[in-house]
Amino acid sequence: MTARMKNRLRELRAARRWSQADLADRCRVSRQAINAIETERYDPSLPLAFTLADVFGLTIEQIFLPERTEDTGDPA
């Protein structure tokens, strides 16, 4: 099972009062793509992640956070 990236996309978009369609237009992708990223059903390609960061004036790391699993302390 592949872990999806956590993201702040919805929060950042809402702060600017942009619809998913507004953000999609700025990134030249479909509204459905933005929805899938926001709901963490899809991780964007690296070029799209850079575009999203540029649109918001942030770094990729300020938008996307890897989902970390808890360390159980068991040696692998």
N, C-alpha and C. Protein backbone atom coordinates (compact mmCIF):
# COMPACT_ATOMS: atom_id res chain seq x y z
N MET A 1 0.84 -1.17 0.00
CA MET A 1 0.00 0.00 0.00
C MET A 1 0.90 1.25 0.00
N THR A 2 0.61 2.18 -0.87
CA THR A 2 1.39 3.40 -0.98
C THR A 2 0.74 4.51 -0.17
N ALA A 3 1.53 5.17 0.66
CA ALA A 3 1.01 6.28 1.46
C ALA A 3 0.87 7.51 0.57
N ARG A 4 -0.21 8.23 0.74
CA ARG A 4 -0.44 9.47 0.02
C ARG A 4 0.16 10.63 0.79
N MET A 5 0.45 11.69 0.07
CA MET A 5 0.99 12.89 0.69
C MET A 5 -0.14 13.69 1.33
N LYS A 6 0.07 14.13 2.53
CA LYS A 6 -0.84 15.09 3.16
C LYS A 6 -0.59 16.44 2.49
N ASN A 7 -1.61 17.27 2.41
CA ASN A 7 -1.40 18.58 1.79
C ASN A 7 -2.31 19.64 2.40
N ARG A 8 -1.95 20.88 2.16
CA ARG A 8 -2.68 22.04 2.66
C ARG A 8 -3.42 22.76 1.53
N LEU A 9 -3.62 22.08 0.43
CA LEU A 9 -4.18 22.71 -0.76
C LEU A 9 -5.54 23.36 -0.51
N ARG A 10 -6.45 22.64 0.11
CA ARG A 10 -7.79 23.19 0.35
C ARG A 10 -7.72 24.44 1.22
N GLU A 11 -6.93 24.38 2.27
CA GLU A 11 -6.76 25.52 3.19
C GLU A 11 -6.18 26.73 2.45
N LEU A 12 -5.16 26.52 1.64
CA LEU A 12 -4.53 27.62 0.91
C LEU A 12 -5.47 28.21 -0.13
N ARG A 13 -6.20 27.35 -0.82
CA ARG A 13 -7.16 27.80 -1.84
C ARG A 13 -8.29 28.59 -1.20
N ALA A 14 -8.82 28.08 -0.09
CA ALA A 14 -9.92 28.75 0.59
C ALA A 14 -9.50 30.12 1.12
N ALA A 15 -8.27 30.23 1.59
CA ALA A 15 -7.78 31.51 2.12
C ALA A 15 -7.77 32.58 1.03
N ARG A 16 -7.64 32.17 -0.22
CA ARG A 16 -7.65 33.11 -1.35
C ARG A 16 -9.04 33.23 -1.99
N ARG A 17 -9.99 32.48 -1.44
CA ARG A 17 -11.37 32.46 -1.96
C ARG A 17 -11.43 32.01 -3.42
N TRP A 18 -10.59 31.05 -3.75
CA TRP A 18 -10.59 30.46 -5.09
C TRP A 18 -11.41 29.19 -5.06
N SER A 19 -12.15 28.96 -6.12
CA SER A 19 -12.83 27.67 -6.28
C SER A 19 -11.80 26.65 -6.78
N GLN A 20 -12.18 25.40 -6.76
CA GLN A 20 -11.30 24.38 -7.34
C GLN A 20 -11.07 24.69 -8.82
N ALA A 21 -12.09 25.18 -9.50
CA ALA A 21 -11.96 25.53 -10.92
C ALA A 21 -10.98 26.68 -11.12
N ASP A 22 -11.01 27.67 -10.22
CA ASP A 22 -10.06 28.79 -10.30
C ASP A 22 -8.62 28.28 -10.20
N LEU A 23 -8.37 27.43 -9.22
CA LEU A 23 -7.02 26.90 -9.04
C LEU A 23 -6.64 26.02 -10.23
N ALA A 24 -7.56 25.22 -10.70
CA ALA A 24 -7.30 24.35 -11.85
C ALA A 24 -6.89 25.19 -13.07
N ASP A 25 -7.60 26.28 -13.31
CA ASP A 25 -7.27 27.17 -14.44
C ASP A 25 -5.86 27.73 -14.29
N ARG A 26 -5.51 28.14 -13.08
CA ARG A 26 -4.17 28.70 -12.85
C ARG A 26 -3.07 27.66 -13.06
N CYS A 27 -3.40 26.40 -12.81
CA CYS A 27 -2.42 25.32 -12.94
C CYS A 27 -2.53 24.57 -14.27
N ARG A 28 -3.54 24.91 -15.05
CA ARG A 28 -3.79 24.26 -16.35
C ARG A 28 -4.03 22.76 -16.21
N VAL A 29 -4.85 22.43 -15.22
CA VAL A 29 -5.30 21.05 -15.02
C VAL A 29 -6.81 21.07 -14.84
N SER A 30 -7.42 19.90 -14.72
CA SER A 30 -8.87 19.84 -14.54
C SER A 30 -9.24 20.11 -13.08
N ARG A 31 -10.48 20.53 -12.87
CA ARG A 31 -10.99 20.71 -11.52
C ARG A 31 -10.97 19.37 -10.79
N GLN A 32 -11.23 18.29 -11.52
CA GLN A 32 -11.22 16.95 -10.92
C GLN A 32 -9.84 16.59 -10.39
N ALA A 33 -8.79 17.04 -11.08
CA ALA A 33 -7.42 16.78 -10.60
C ALA A 33 -7.18 17.49 -9.28
N ILE A 34 -7.63 18.74 -9.19
CA ILE A 34 -7.47 19.50 -7.95
C ILE A 34 -8.25 18.82 -6.83
N ASN A 35 -9.46 18.40 -7.11
CA ASN A 35 -10.28 17.71 -6.12
C ASN A 35 -9.59 16.43 -5.64
N ALA A 36 -9.04 15.66 -6.54
CA ALA A 36 -8.38 14.40 -6.17
C ALA A 36 -7.14 14.65 -5.32
N ILE A 37 -6.41 15.72 -5.60
CA ILE A 37 -5.23 16.06 -4.79
C ILE A 37 -5.69 16.50 -3.40
N GLU A 38 -6.69 17.38 -3.34
CA GLU A 38 -7.18 17.89 -2.06
C GLU A 38 -7.71 16.77 -1.16
N THR A 39 -8.35 15.80 -1.74
CA THR A 39 -8.93 14.70 -0.96
C THR A 39 -7.93 13.56 -0.78
N GLU A 40 -6.70 13.80 -1.19
CA GLU A 40 -5.58 12.87 -1.02
C GLU A 40 -5.81 11.52 -1.69
N ARG A 41 -6.56 11.53 -2.80
CA ARG A 41 -6.74 10.33 -3.61
C ARG A 41 -5.69 10.26 -4.71
N TYR A 42 -4.95 11.35 -4.89
CA TYR A 42 -3.96 11.44 -5.97
C TYR A 42 -2.82 12.34 -5.53
N ASP A 43 -1.59 11.89 -5.76
CA ASP A 43 -0.42 12.73 -5.53
C ASP A 43 -0.04 13.37 -6.86
N PRO A 44 0.19 14.68 -6.86
CA PRO A 44 0.52 15.34 -8.13
C PRO A 44 1.90 14.93 -8.63
N SER A 45 2.09 15.08 -9.93
CA SER A 45 3.41 14.87 -10.51
C SER A 45 4.33 15.95 -9.96
N LEU A 46 5.62 15.75 -10.07
CA LEU A 46 6.57 16.76 -9.59
C LEU A 46 6.38 18.09 -10.32
N PRO A 47 6.23 18.10 -11.67
CA PRO A 47 5.99 19.39 -12.34
C PRO A 47 4.72 20.09 -11.83
N LEU A 48 3.66 19.34 -11.57
CA LEU A 48 2.43 19.96 -11.06
C LEU A 48 2.64 20.46 -9.63
N ALA A 49 3.38 19.73 -8.81
CA ALA A 49 3.67 20.19 -7.45
C ALA A 49 4.43 21.51 -7.50
N PHE A 50 5.39 21.64 -8.42
CA PHE A 50 6.12 22.90 -8.57
C PHE A 50 5.18 24.02 -9.03
N THR A 51 4.27 23.70 -9.94
CA THR A 51 3.31 24.70 -10.41
C THR A 51 2.43 25.17 -9.26
N LEU A 52 1.92 24.23 -8.47
CA LEU A 52 1.09 24.60 -7.32
C LEU A 52 1.86 25.47 -6.35
N ALA A 53 3.10 25.12 -6.08
CA ALA A 53 3.93 25.92 -5.18
C ALA A 53 4.11 27.33 -5.73
N ASP A 54 4.35 27.43 -7.03
CA ASP A 54 4.54 28.74 -7.66
C ASP A 54 3.26 29.58 -7.59
N VAL A 55 2.12 28.95 -7.84
CA VAL A 55 0.84 29.67 -7.79
C VAL A 55 0.59 30.26 -6.41
N PHE A 56 0.98 29.53 -5.37
CA PHE A 56 0.77 30.00 -4.01
C PHE A 56 1.95 30.80 -3.45
N GLY A 57 3.05 30.85 -4.19
CA GLY A 57 4.23 31.57 -3.72
C GLY A 57 4.89 30.88 -2.53
N LEU A 58 4.81 29.56 -2.51
CA LEU A 58 5.37 28.77 -1.41
C LEU A 58 6.32 27.72 -1.97
N THR A 59 7.00 27.02 -1.08
CA THR A 59 7.80 25.87 -1.51
C THR A 59 6.91 24.63 -1.51
N ILE A 60 7.34 23.61 -2.20
CA ILE A 60 6.59 22.35 -2.21
C ILE A 60 6.43 21.83 -0.78
N GLU A 61 7.49 21.95 0.02
CA GLU A 61 7.45 21.44 1.39
C GLU A 61 6.46 22.18 2.27
N GLN A 62 6.10 23.41 1.90
CA GLN A 62 5.11 24.16 2.67
C GLN A 62 3.68 23.75 2.32
N ILE A 63 3.52 23.00 1.23
CA ILE A 63 2.20 22.56 0.80
C ILE A 63 1.99 21.07 1.05
N PHE A 64 3.01 20.27 0.76
CA PHE A 64 2.89 18.82 0.84
C PHE A 64 3.76 18.26 1.95
N LEU A 65 3.18 17.34 2.72
CA LEU A 65 3.88 16.68 3.82
C LEU A 65 3.71 15.18 3.66
N PRO A 66 4.80 14.41 3.73
CA PRO A 66 4.64 12.96 3.62
C PRO A 66 3.90 12.42 4.84
N GLU A 67 3.03 11.45 4.61
CA GLU A 67 2.32 10.81 5.71
C GLU A 67 3.29 9.82 6.34
N ARG A 68 3.56 10.02 7.58
CA ARG A 68 4.54 9.18 8.27
C ARG A 68 3.82 8.12 9.09
N THR A 69 4.41 6.91 9.12
CA THR A 69 3.85 5.85 9.96
C THR A 69 4.56 5.90 11.30
N GLU A 70 3.88 5.48 12.34
CA GLU A 70 4.46 5.49 13.69
C GLU A 70 5.57 4.46 13.76
N ASP A 71 6.65 4.82 14.42
CA ASP A 71 7.76 3.90 14.63
C ASP A 71 7.39 3.02 15.82
N THR A 72 7.31 1.71 15.58
CA THR A 72 6.93 0.78 16.65
C THR A 72 8.11 0.38 17.49
N GLY A 73 9.33 0.75 17.06
CA GLY A 73 10.52 0.38 17.79
C GLY A 73 11.03 -1.01 17.44
N ASP A 74 10.27 -1.74 16.62
CA ASP A 74 10.70 -3.08 16.21
C ASP A 74 11.76 -2.97 15.12
N PRO A 75 12.87 -3.70 15.25
CA PRO A 75 13.85 -3.70 14.17
C PRO A 75 13.26 -4.38 12.94
N ALA A 76 13.52 -3.83 11.80
CA ALA A 76 12.93 -4.35 10.56
C ALA A 76 13.63 -5.59 10.07
